[in-house]
Amino acid sequence: MRTFDLAEVTKRELNQTLHDAADGESFEVINPRGAHAVACGITADIEVVVRGSVGYYCAGMHQQGRVRVEGNASTGLAENIMSGTVHITGNATMSAGATGCGGLLVVGGNAGARCGISMKGVDIVVGGDVGHMSAFMAQAGNLVVCGDAAADLGDSIYEAQIFVRGNVESLGADCVEKEMRSEHRELLTWLLGAAAPETRGVFAEEFRRFGSARRLYNFAVDDVAALEAAARGEHGNASQ
């Protein structure tokens, strides 16, 4: 395993080395000291272990391989992840896994507001709680919350699924509780296993499932004729 000490080398040098790496290589990063954009844009099947906490956008645009952070992460962890795995042992602040299209993101602790915002296929497992507006406009994928969920969970959700073990403060627009069937328990069991050891002692039977009521898929108006007339600038009877 090759070691990079960010107290001695630049972050640019680290990231360029990771971009040039070949499948099967392993790297260790020490003294990250909250640096932003650590291990971004990885496209090879490599392993990166970061010993300490990181700043914004760690492991952004991740493809293939595994990134593990032994600490906390700030805004935008694994933003736009496409595949592979990103796993942090601590807490993540806002927008973890935002717009993620694939792969697996594991947060061992809590995740802040808008976790999984606009997710498009990523699987996210949070060992603790999530903040408000998590899974806002989530289109595909799965958000698993082993703790509690704050207000407006799943607001304007599309076809993503949310599994919550604890309490839900409130659901957002068009998000409803749904039946938990055997296929959902099987999926959840697999995701909990993939997120180990953060999910040790947590079982699929303890969760509830939430998703879209599909009421926001079509826009309805009370008076289409009035709307069309207003668009043409015909104000005469448009309000009747």
C-alpha atoms as a PDB file:
ATOM      1  CA  MET A   1       0.000   0.000   0.000  1.00  0.00           C
ATOM      2  CA  ARG A   2       1.453   3.345  -1.066  1.00  0.00           C
ATOM      3  CA  THR A   3       1.149   6.149   1.509  1.00  0.00           C
ATOM      4  CA  PHE A   4       0.520   9.833   0.783  1.00  0.00           C
ATOM      5  CA  ASP A   5       1.045  12.330   3.598  1.00  0.00           C
ATOM      6  CA  LEU A   6      -0.950  15.468   2.798  1.00  0.00           C
ATOM      7  CA  ALA A   7       1.241  17.390   5.220  1.00  0.00           C
ATOM      8  CA  GLU A   8       4.090  16.835   2.755  1.00  0.00           C
ATOM      9  CA  VAL A   9       2.575  16.364  -0.720  1.00  0.00           C
ATOM     10  CA  THR A  10      -0.092  18.337  -2.541  1.00  0.00           C
ATOM     11  CA  LYS A  11      -3.630  17.176  -2.993  1.00  0.00           C
ATOM     12  CA  ARG A  12      -3.200  17.630  -6.744  1.00  0.00           C
ATOM     13  CA  GLU A  13      -0.346  15.129  -6.697  1.00  0.00           C
ATOM     14  CA  LEU A  14      -2.467  12.659  -4.742  1.00  0.00           C
ATOM     15  CA  ASN A  15      -5.483  12.911  -7.026  1.00  0.00           C
ATOM     16  CA  GLN A  16      -3.399  12.709 -10.189  1.00  0.00           C
ATOM     17  CA  THR A  17      -1.744   9.542  -8.902  1.00  0.00           C
ATOM     18  CA  LEU A  18      -5.150   8.030  -8.171  1.00  0.00           C
ATOM     19  CA  HIS A  19      -6.353   8.943 -11.668  1.00  0.00           C
ATOM     20  CA  ASP A  20      -3.313   7.239 -13.200  1.00  0.00           C
ATOM     21  CA  ALA A  21      -3.491   4.145 -10.999  1.00  0.00           C
ATOM     22  CA  ALA A  22      -4.064   0.633 -12.350  1.00  0.00           C
ATOM     23  CA  ASP A  23      -6.640  -1.849 -11.149  1.00  0.00           C
ATOM     24  CA  GLY A  24      -5.680  -3.600  -7.934  1.00  0.00           C
ATOM     25  CA  GLU A  25      -3.459  -0.869  -6.477  1.00  0.00           C
ATOM     26  CA  SER A  26      -3.940   0.331  -2.882  1.00  0.00           C
ATOM     27  CA  PHE A  27      -3.300   3.735  -1.322  1.00  0.00           C
ATOM     28  CA  GLU A  28      -3.297   5.256   2.147  1.00  0.00           C
ATOM     29  CA  VAL A  29      -3.793   8.966   2.834  1.00  0.00           C
ATOM     30  CA  ILE A  30      -2.672  10.388   6.153  1.00  0.00           C
ATOM     31  CA  ASN A  31      -3.007  13.883   7.625  1.00  0.00           C
ATOM     32  CA  PRO A  32      -5.975  14.896   5.428  1.00  0.00           C
ATOM     33  CA  ARG A  33      -6.751  17.683   7.960  1.00  0.00           C
ATOM     34  CA  GLY A  34     -10.169  18.444   6.458  1.00  0.00           C
ATOM     35  CA  ALA A  35      -8.881  18.907   2.917  1.00  0.00           C
ATOM     36  CA  HIS A  36     -11.509  19.347   0.198  1.00  0.00           C
ATOM     37  CA  ALA A  37     -11.959  17.154  -2.906  1.00  0.00           C
ATOM     38  CA  VAL A  38      -9.820  14.262  -1.671  1.00  0.00           C
ATOM     39  CA  ALA A  39      -9.908  11.147  -3.883  1.00  0.00           C
ATOM     40  CA  CYS A  40     -12.213  12.628  -6.517  1.00  0.00           C
ATOM     41  CA  GLY A  41     -12.816  11.199  -9.979  1.00  0.00           C
ATOM     42  CA  ILE A  42     -11.439   7.695  -9.432  1.00  0.00           C
ATOM     43  CA  THR A  43     -12.098   5.484 -12.475  1.00  0.00           C
ATOM     44  CA  ALA A  44     -10.065   2.344 -11.688  1.00  0.00           C
ATOM     45  CA  ASP A  45     -10.692  -0.600  -9.390  1.00  0.00           C
ATOM     46  CA  ILE A  46      -8.389   0.613  -6.619  1.00  0.00           C
ATOM     47  CA  GLU A  47      -8.598   0.950  -2.843  1.00  0.00           C
ATOM     48  CA  VAL A  48      -8.050   4.227  -0.996  1.00  0.00           C
ATOM     49  CA  VAL A  49      -8.051   4.511   2.804  1.00  0.00           C
ATOM     50  CA  VAL A  50      -8.091   8.032   4.279  1.00  0.00           C
ATOM     51  CA  ARG A  51      -6.942   8.187   7.919  1.00  0.00           C
ATOM     52  CA  GLY A  52      -8.815  11.203   9.243  1.00  0.00           C
ATOM     53  CA  SER A  53     -11.599  13.632   8.431  1.00  0.00           C
ATOM     54  CA  VAL A  54     -12.083  15.359   5.079  1.00  0.00           C
ATOM     55  CA  GLY A  55     -13.786  18.497   3.788  1.00  0.00           C
ATOM     56  CA  TYR A  56     -16.115  19.172   0.852  1.00  0.00           C
ATOM     57  CA  TYR A  57     -16.748  16.786  -2.049  1.00  0.00           C
ATOM     58  CA  CYS A  58     -14.616  13.849  -0.959  1.00  0.00           C
ATOM     59  CA  ALA A  59     -14.830  10.997  -3.495  1.00  0.00           C
ATOM     60  CA  GLY A  60     -16.935  13.071  -5.849  1.00  0.00           C
ATOM     61  CA  MET A  61     -17.666  11.596  -9.297  1.00  0.00           C
ATOM     62  CA  HIS A  62     -16.500   8.202  -8.040  1.00  0.00           C
ATOM     63  CA  GLN A  63     -16.359   5.300 -10.490  1.00  0.00           C
ATOM     64  CA  GLN A  64     -15.168   1.822  -9.489  1.00  0.00           C
ATOM     65  CA  GLY A  65     -12.961   0.910  -6.568  1.00  0.00           C
ATOM     66  CA  ARG A  66     -13.373   1.587  -2.883  1.00  0.00           C
ATOM     67  CA  VAL A  67     -12.765   4.726  -0.827  1.00  0.00           C
ATOM     68  CA  ARG A  68     -12.848   4.448   2.956  1.00  0.00           C
ATOM     69  CA  VAL A  69     -12.626   7.482   5.236  1.00  0.00           C
ATOM     70  CA  GLU A  70     -11.818   6.870   8.881  1.00  0.00           C
ATOM     71  CA  GLY A  71     -13.438  10.040  10.152  1.00  0.00           C
ATOM     72  CA  ASN A  72     -16.046  12.611   9.162  1.00  0.00           C
ATOM     73  CA  ALA A  73     -16.832  14.302   5.857  1.00  0.00           C
ATOM     74  CA  SER A  74     -18.266  17.704   4.966  1.00  0.00           C
ATOM     75  CA  THR A  75     -20.694  18.779   2.232  1.00  0.00           C
ATOM     76  CA  GLY A  76     -21.158  16.746  -0.944  1.00  0.00           C
ATOM     77  CA  LEU A  77     -19.580  13.435   0.048  1.00  0.00           C
ATOM     78  CA  ALA A  78     -19.586  11.100  -2.991  1.00  0.00           C
ATOM     79  CA  GLU A  79     -21.516  13.613  -5.070  1.00  0.00           C
ATOM     80  CA  ASN A  80     -22.473  12.110  -8.440  1.00  0.00           C
ATOM     81  CA  ILE A  81     -21.073   8.679  -7.569  1.00  0.00           C
ATOM     82  CA  MET A  82     -21.488   6.350 -10.543  1.00  0.00           C
ATOM     83  CA  SER A  83     -20.284   2.967  -9.229  1.00  0.00           C
ATOM     84  CA  GLY A  84     -17.974   1.425  -6.640  1.00  0.00           C
ATOM     85  CA  THR A  85     -18.139   2.042  -2.905  1.00  0.00           C
ATOM     86  CA  VAL A  86     -17.537   5.046  -0.647  1.00  0.00           C
ATOM     87  CA  HIS A  87     -17.613   4.290   3.095  1.00  0.00           C
ATOM     88  CA  ILE A  88     -16.993   6.701   5.975  1.00  0.00           C
ATOM     89  CA  THR A  89     -16.939   5.672   9.610  1.00  0.00           C
ATOM     90  CA  GLY A  90     -18.078   9.018  11.020  1.00  0.00           C
ATOM     91  CA  ASN A  91     -20.669  11.676  10.176  1.00  0.00           C
ATOM     92  CA  ALA A  92     -21.410  13.459   6.903  1.00  0.00           C
ATOM     93  CA  THR A  93     -22.816  16.972   6.639  1.00  0.00           C
ATOM     94  CA  MET A  94     -25.117  18.251   3.881  1.00  0.00           C
ATOM     95  CA  SER A  95     -25.966  16.565   0.591  1.00  0.00           C
ATOM     96  CA  ALA A  96     -24.176  13.240   0.969  1.00  0.00           C
ATOM     97  CA  GLY A  97     -24.605  11.181  -2.192  1.00  0.00           C
ATOM     98  CA  ALA A  98     -26.237  14.031  -4.101  1.00  0.00           C
ATOM     99  CA  THR A  99     -27.243  13.109  -7.685  1.00  0.00           C
ATOM    100  CA  GLY A 100     -25.584   9.699  -7.323  1.00  0.00           C
ATOM    101  CA  CYS A 101     -26.295   7.419 -10.293  1.00  0.00           C
ATOM    102  CA  GLY A 102     -24.969   4.101  -8.941  1.00  0.00           C
ATOM    103  CA  GLY A 103     -22.667   2.397  -6.470  1.00  0.00           C
ATOM    104  CA  LEU A 104     -22.931   2.290  -2.692  1.00  0.00           C
ATOM    105  CA  LEU A 105     -22.393   5.055  -0.130  1.00  0.00           C
ATOM    106  CA  VAL A 106     -22.148   4.085   3.544  1.00  0.00           C
ATOM    107  CA  VAL A 107     -22.186   6.673   6.345  1.00  0.00           C
ATOM    108  CA  GLY A 108     -21.383   5.056   9.676  1.00  0.00           C
ATOM    109  CA  GLY A 109     -22.716   7.943  11.773  1.00  0.00           C
ATOM    110  CA  ASN A 110     -25.305  10.602  10.989  1.00  0.00           C
ATOM    111  CA  ALA A 111     -25.922  12.415   7.706  1.00  0.00           C
ATOM    112  CA  GLY A 112     -27.073  16.023   7.555  1.00  0.00           C
ATOM    113  CA  ALA A 113     -29.732  17.771   5.510  1.00  0.00           C
ATOM    114  CA  ARG A 114     -30.597  16.684   1.970  1.00  0.00           C
ATOM    115  CA  CYS A 115     -28.863  13.338   2.129  1.00  0.00           C
ATOM    116  CA  GLY A 116     -29.489  11.654  -1.216  1.00  0.00           C
ATOM    117  CA  ILE A 117     -30.909  14.770  -2.867  1.00  0.00           C
ATOM    118  CA  SER A 118     -31.840  13.998  -6.490  1.00  0.00           C
ATOM    119  CA  MET A 119     -30.323  10.512  -6.248  1.00  0.00           C
ATOM    120  CA  LYS A 120     -30.585   8.643  -9.545  1.00  0.00           C
ATOM    121  CA  GLY A 121     -29.683   5.049  -8.720  1.00  0.00           C
ATOM    122  CA  VAL A 122     -27.175   5.124  -5.869  1.00  0.00           C
ATOM    123  CA  ASP A 123     -27.729   3.044  -2.733  1.00  0.00           C
ATOM    124  CA  ILE A 124     -27.094   4.978   0.501  1.00  0.00           C
ATOM    125  CA  VAL A 125     -26.947   3.361   3.943  1.00  0.00           C
ATOM    126  CA  VAL A 126     -26.778   5.648   6.989  1.00  0.00           C
ATOM    127  CA  GLY A 127     -25.962   4.038  10.334  1.00  0.00           C
ATOM    128  CA  GLY A 128     -27.503   6.911  12.311  1.00  0.00           C
ATOM    129  CA  ASP A 129     -29.976   9.723  11.573  1.00  0.00           C
ATOM    130  CA  VAL A 130     -30.566  11.863   8.481  1.00  0.00           C
ATOM    131  CA  GLY A 131     -31.388  15.563   8.368  1.00  0.00           C
ATOM    132  CA  HIS A 132     -34.313  17.415   6.843  1.00  0.00           C
ATOM    133  CA  MET A 133     -35.281  17.111   3.176  1.00  0.00           C
ATOM    134  CA  SER A 134     -33.363  13.869   2.721  1.00  0.00           C
ATOM    135  CA  ALA A 135     -34.109  12.094  -0.573  1.00  0.00           C
ATOM    136  CA  PHE A 136     -35.589  15.333  -1.949  1.00  0.00           C
ATOM    137  CA  MET A 137     -36.547  14.698  -5.599  1.00  0.00           C
ATOM    138  CA  ALA A 138     -34.942  11.246  -5.399  1.00  0.00           C
ATOM    139  CA  GLN A 139     -35.499   9.526  -8.733  1.00  0.00           C
ATOM    140  CA  ALA A 140     -34.054   6.015  -8.309  1.00  0.00           C
ATOM    141  CA  GLY A 141     -32.043   3.976  -5.833  1.00  0.00           C
ATOM    142  CA  ASN A 142     -32.446   3.257  -2.135  1.00  0.00           C
ATOM    143  CA  LEU A 143     -31.878   5.307   1.016  1.00  0.00           C
ATOM    144  CA  VAL A 144     -31.572   3.226   4.186  1.00  0.00           C
ATOM    145  CA  VAL A 145     -31.736   5.072   7.510  1.00  0.00           C
ATOM    146  CA  CYS A 146     -30.909   3.013  10.580  1.00  0.00           C
ATOM    147  CA  GLY A 147     -31.812   5.882  12.928  1.00  0.00           C
ATOM    148  CA  ASP A 148     -34.380   8.676  12.682  1.00  0.00           C
ATOM    149  CA  ALA A 149     -35.331  10.947   9.793  1.00  0.00           C
ATOM    150  CA  ALA A 150     -35.921  14.676  10.194  1.00  0.00           C
ATOM    151  CA  ALA A 151     -38.684  16.749   8.577  1.00  0.00           C
ATOM    152  CA  ASP A 152     -39.887  16.544   4.968  1.00  0.00           C
ATOM    153  CA  LEU A 153     -38.415  13.149   4.180  1.00  0.00           C
ATOM    154  CA  GLY A 154     -38.715  12.239   0.496  1.00  0.00           C
ATOM    155  CA  ASP A 155     -40.216  15.541  -0.610  1.00  0.00           C
ATOM    156  CA  SER A 156     -41.231  15.375  -4.311  1.00  0.00           C
ATOM    157  CA  ILE A 157     -39.825  11.861  -4.568  1.00  0.00           C
ATOM    158  CA  TYR A 158     -40.070   9.883  -7.806  1.00  0.00           C
ATOM    159  CA  GLU A 159     -39.249   6.134  -7.860  1.00  0.00           C
ATOM    160  CA  ALA A 160     -36.521   5.848  -5.220  1.00  0.00           C
ATOM    161  CA  GLN A 161     -37.245   3.864  -2.071  1.00  0.00           C
ATOM    162  CA  ILE A 162     -36.615   4.936   1.524  1.00  0.00           C
ATOM    163  CA  PHE A 163     -36.268   2.534   4.437  1.00  0.00           C
ATOM    164  CA  VAL A 164     -36.317   3.963   7.971  1.00  0.00           C
ATOM    165  CA  ARG A 165     -35.739   2.027  11.170  1.00  0.00           C
ATOM    166  CA  GLY A 166     -36.481   4.854  13.623  1.00  0.00           C
ATOM    167  CA  ASN A 167     -38.910   7.751  13.777  1.00  0.00           C
ATOM    168  CA  VAL A 168     -39.861  10.053  10.899  1.00  0.00           C
ATOM    169  CA  GLU A 169     -40.543  13.651  11.907  1.00  0.00           C
ATOM    170  CA  SER A 170     -42.641  14.325   8.810  1.00  0.00           C
ATOM    171  CA  LEU A 171     -42.985  13.279   5.181  1.00  0.00           C
ATOM    172  CA  GLY A 172     -42.526  15.698   2.305  1.00  0.00           C
ATOM    173  CA  ALA A 173     -44.915  16.314  -0.576  1.00  0.00           C
ATOM    174  CA  ASP A 174     -46.094  13.144  -2.313  1.00  0.00           C
ATOM    175  CA  CYS A 175     -44.137  10.797  -0.007  1.00  0.00           C
ATOM    176  CA  VAL A 176     -46.160   8.089   1.717  1.00  0.00           C
ATOM    177  CA  GLU A 177     -45.547   4.946   3.721  1.00  0.00           C
ATOM    178  CA  LYS A 178     -45.793   1.783   1.624  1.00  0.00           C
ATOM    179  CA  GLU A 179     -46.157  -1.922   2.221  1.00  0.00           C
ATOM    180  CA  MET A 180     -42.993  -3.790   3.168  1.00  0.00           C
ATOM    181  CA  ARG A 181     -43.036  -6.989   1.108  1.00  0.00           C
ATOM    182  CA  SER A 182     -40.644  -9.948   1.017  1.00  0.00           C
ATOM    183  CA  GLU A 183     -38.682  -8.581  -1.949  1.00  0.00           C
ATOM    184  CA  HIS A 184     -38.068  -5.350  -0.057  1.00  0.00           C
ATOM    185  CA  ARG A 185     -36.827  -7.224   2.997  1.00  0.00           C
ATOM    186  CA  GLU A 186     -34.482  -9.246   0.785  1.00  0.00           C
ATOM    187  CA  LEU A 187     -33.071  -6.082  -0.811  1.00  0.00           C
ATOM    188  CA  LEU A 188     -32.710  -4.410   2.566  1.00  0.00           C
ATOM    189  CA  THR A 189     -30.951  -7.429   4.063  1.00  0.00           C
ATOM    190  CA  TRP A 190     -28.435  -7.312   1.219  1.00  0.00           C
ATOM    191  CA  LEU A 191     -27.828  -3.574   1.657  1.00  0.00           C
ATOM    192  CA  LEU A 192     -27.364  -3.908   5.414  1.00  0.00           C
ATOM    193  CA  GLY A 193     -24.859  -6.672   4.829  1.00  0.00           C
ATOM    194  CA  ALA A 194     -22.957  -4.581   2.282  1.00  0.00           C
ATOM    195  CA  ALA A 195     -22.719  -1.728   4.799  1.00  0.00           C
ATOM    196  CA  ALA A 196     -21.231  -3.843   7.593  1.00  0.00           C
ATOM    197  CA  PRO A 197     -19.855  -3.376  10.205  1.00  0.00           C
ATOM    198  CA  GLU A 198     -21.812  -0.125  10.612  1.00  0.00           C
ATOM    199  CA  THR A 199     -25.086  -2.070  10.522  1.00  0.00           C
ATOM    200  CA  ARG A 200     -24.237  -4.927  12.863  1.00  0.00           C
ATOM    201  CA  GLY A 201     -27.299  -5.908  14.924  1.00  0.00           C
ATOM    202  CA  VAL A 202     -29.717  -4.168  12.539  1.00  0.00           C
ATOM    203  CA  PHE A 203     -32.345  -6.281  10.768  1.00  0.00           C
ATOM    204  CA  ALA A 204     -34.657  -5.672   7.815  1.00  0.00           C
ATOM    205  CA  GLU A 205     -37.747  -6.549   9.842  1.00  0.00           C
ATOM    206  CA  GLU A 206     -37.220  -3.391  11.931  1.00  0.00           C
ATOM    207  CA  PHE A 207     -37.729  -0.965   9.012  1.00  0.00           C
ATOM    208  CA  ARG A 208     -40.634   0.799   7.346  1.00  0.00           C
ATOM    209  CA  ARG A 209     -40.697   1.623   3.631  1.00  0.00           C
ATOM    210  CA  PHE A 210     -41.594   4.972   2.037  1.00  0.00           C
ATOM    211  CA  GLY A 211     -41.984   6.069  -1.555  1.00  0.00           C
ATOM    212  CA  SER A 212     -43.926   8.153  -4.037  1.00  0.00           C
ATOM    213  CA  ALA A 213     -47.706   8.410  -4.039  1.00  0.00           C
ATOM    214  CA  ARG A 214     -47.318   9.460  -7.694  1.00  0.00           C
ATOM    215  CA  ARG A 215     -49.691  12.376  -7.360  1.00  0.00           C
ATOM    216  CA  LEU A 216     -47.148  14.897  -8.682  1.00  0.00           C
ATOM    217  CA  TYR A 217     -46.465  13.095 -11.958  1.00  0.00           C
ATOM    218  CA  ASN A 218     -49.114  15.159 -13.804  1.00  0.00           C
ATOM    219  CA  PHE A 219     -49.916  18.816 -13.358  1.00  0.00           C
ATOM    220  CA  ALA A 220     -53.658  19.470 -12.979  1.00  0.00           C
ATOM    221  CA  VAL A 221     -55.408  22.832 -13.298  1.00  0.00           C
ATOM    222  CA  ASP A 222     -58.982  23.728 -12.374  1.00  0.00           C
ATOM    223  CA  ASP A 223     -59.748  25.628 -15.566  1.00  0.00           C
ATOM    224  CA  VAL A 224     -57.622  24.774 -18.600  1.00  0.00           C
ATOM    225  CA  ALA A 225     -59.503  27.194 -20.854  1.00  0.00           C
ATOM    226  CA  ALA A 226     -58.792  30.075 -18.486  1.00  0.00           C
ATOM    227  CA  LEU A 227     -55.118  29.173 -18.336  1.00  0.00           C
ATOM    228  CA  GLU A 228     -54.838  29.008 -22.121  1.00  0.00           C
ATOM    229  CA  ALA A 229     -56.644  32.327 -22.515  1.00  0.00           C
ATOM    230  CA  ALA A 230     -54.339  33.996 -20.014  1.00  0.00           C
ATOM    231  CA  ALA A 231     -51.319  32.641 -21.902  1.00  0.00           C
ATOM    232  CA  ARG A 232     -52.648  34.287 -25.092  1.00  0.00           C
ATOM    233  CA  GLY A 233     -53.225  37.548 -23.286  1.00  0.00           C
ATOM    234  CA  GLU A 234     -57.015  37.267 -23.501  1.00  0.00           C
ATOM    235  CA  HIS A 235     -58.042  38.595 -20.113  1.00  0.00           C
ATOM    236  CA  GLY A 236     -61.740  39.132 -20.768  1.00  0.00           C
ATOM    237  CA  ASN A 237     -63.316  35.955 -19.447  1.00  0.00           C
ATOM    238  CA  ALA A 238     -60.161  34.195 -18.309  1.00  0.00           C
ATOM    239  CA  SER A 239     -61.009  34.677 -14.645  1.00  0.00           C
ATOM    240  CA  GLN A 240     -64.565  33.356 -14.896  1.00  0.00           C
END
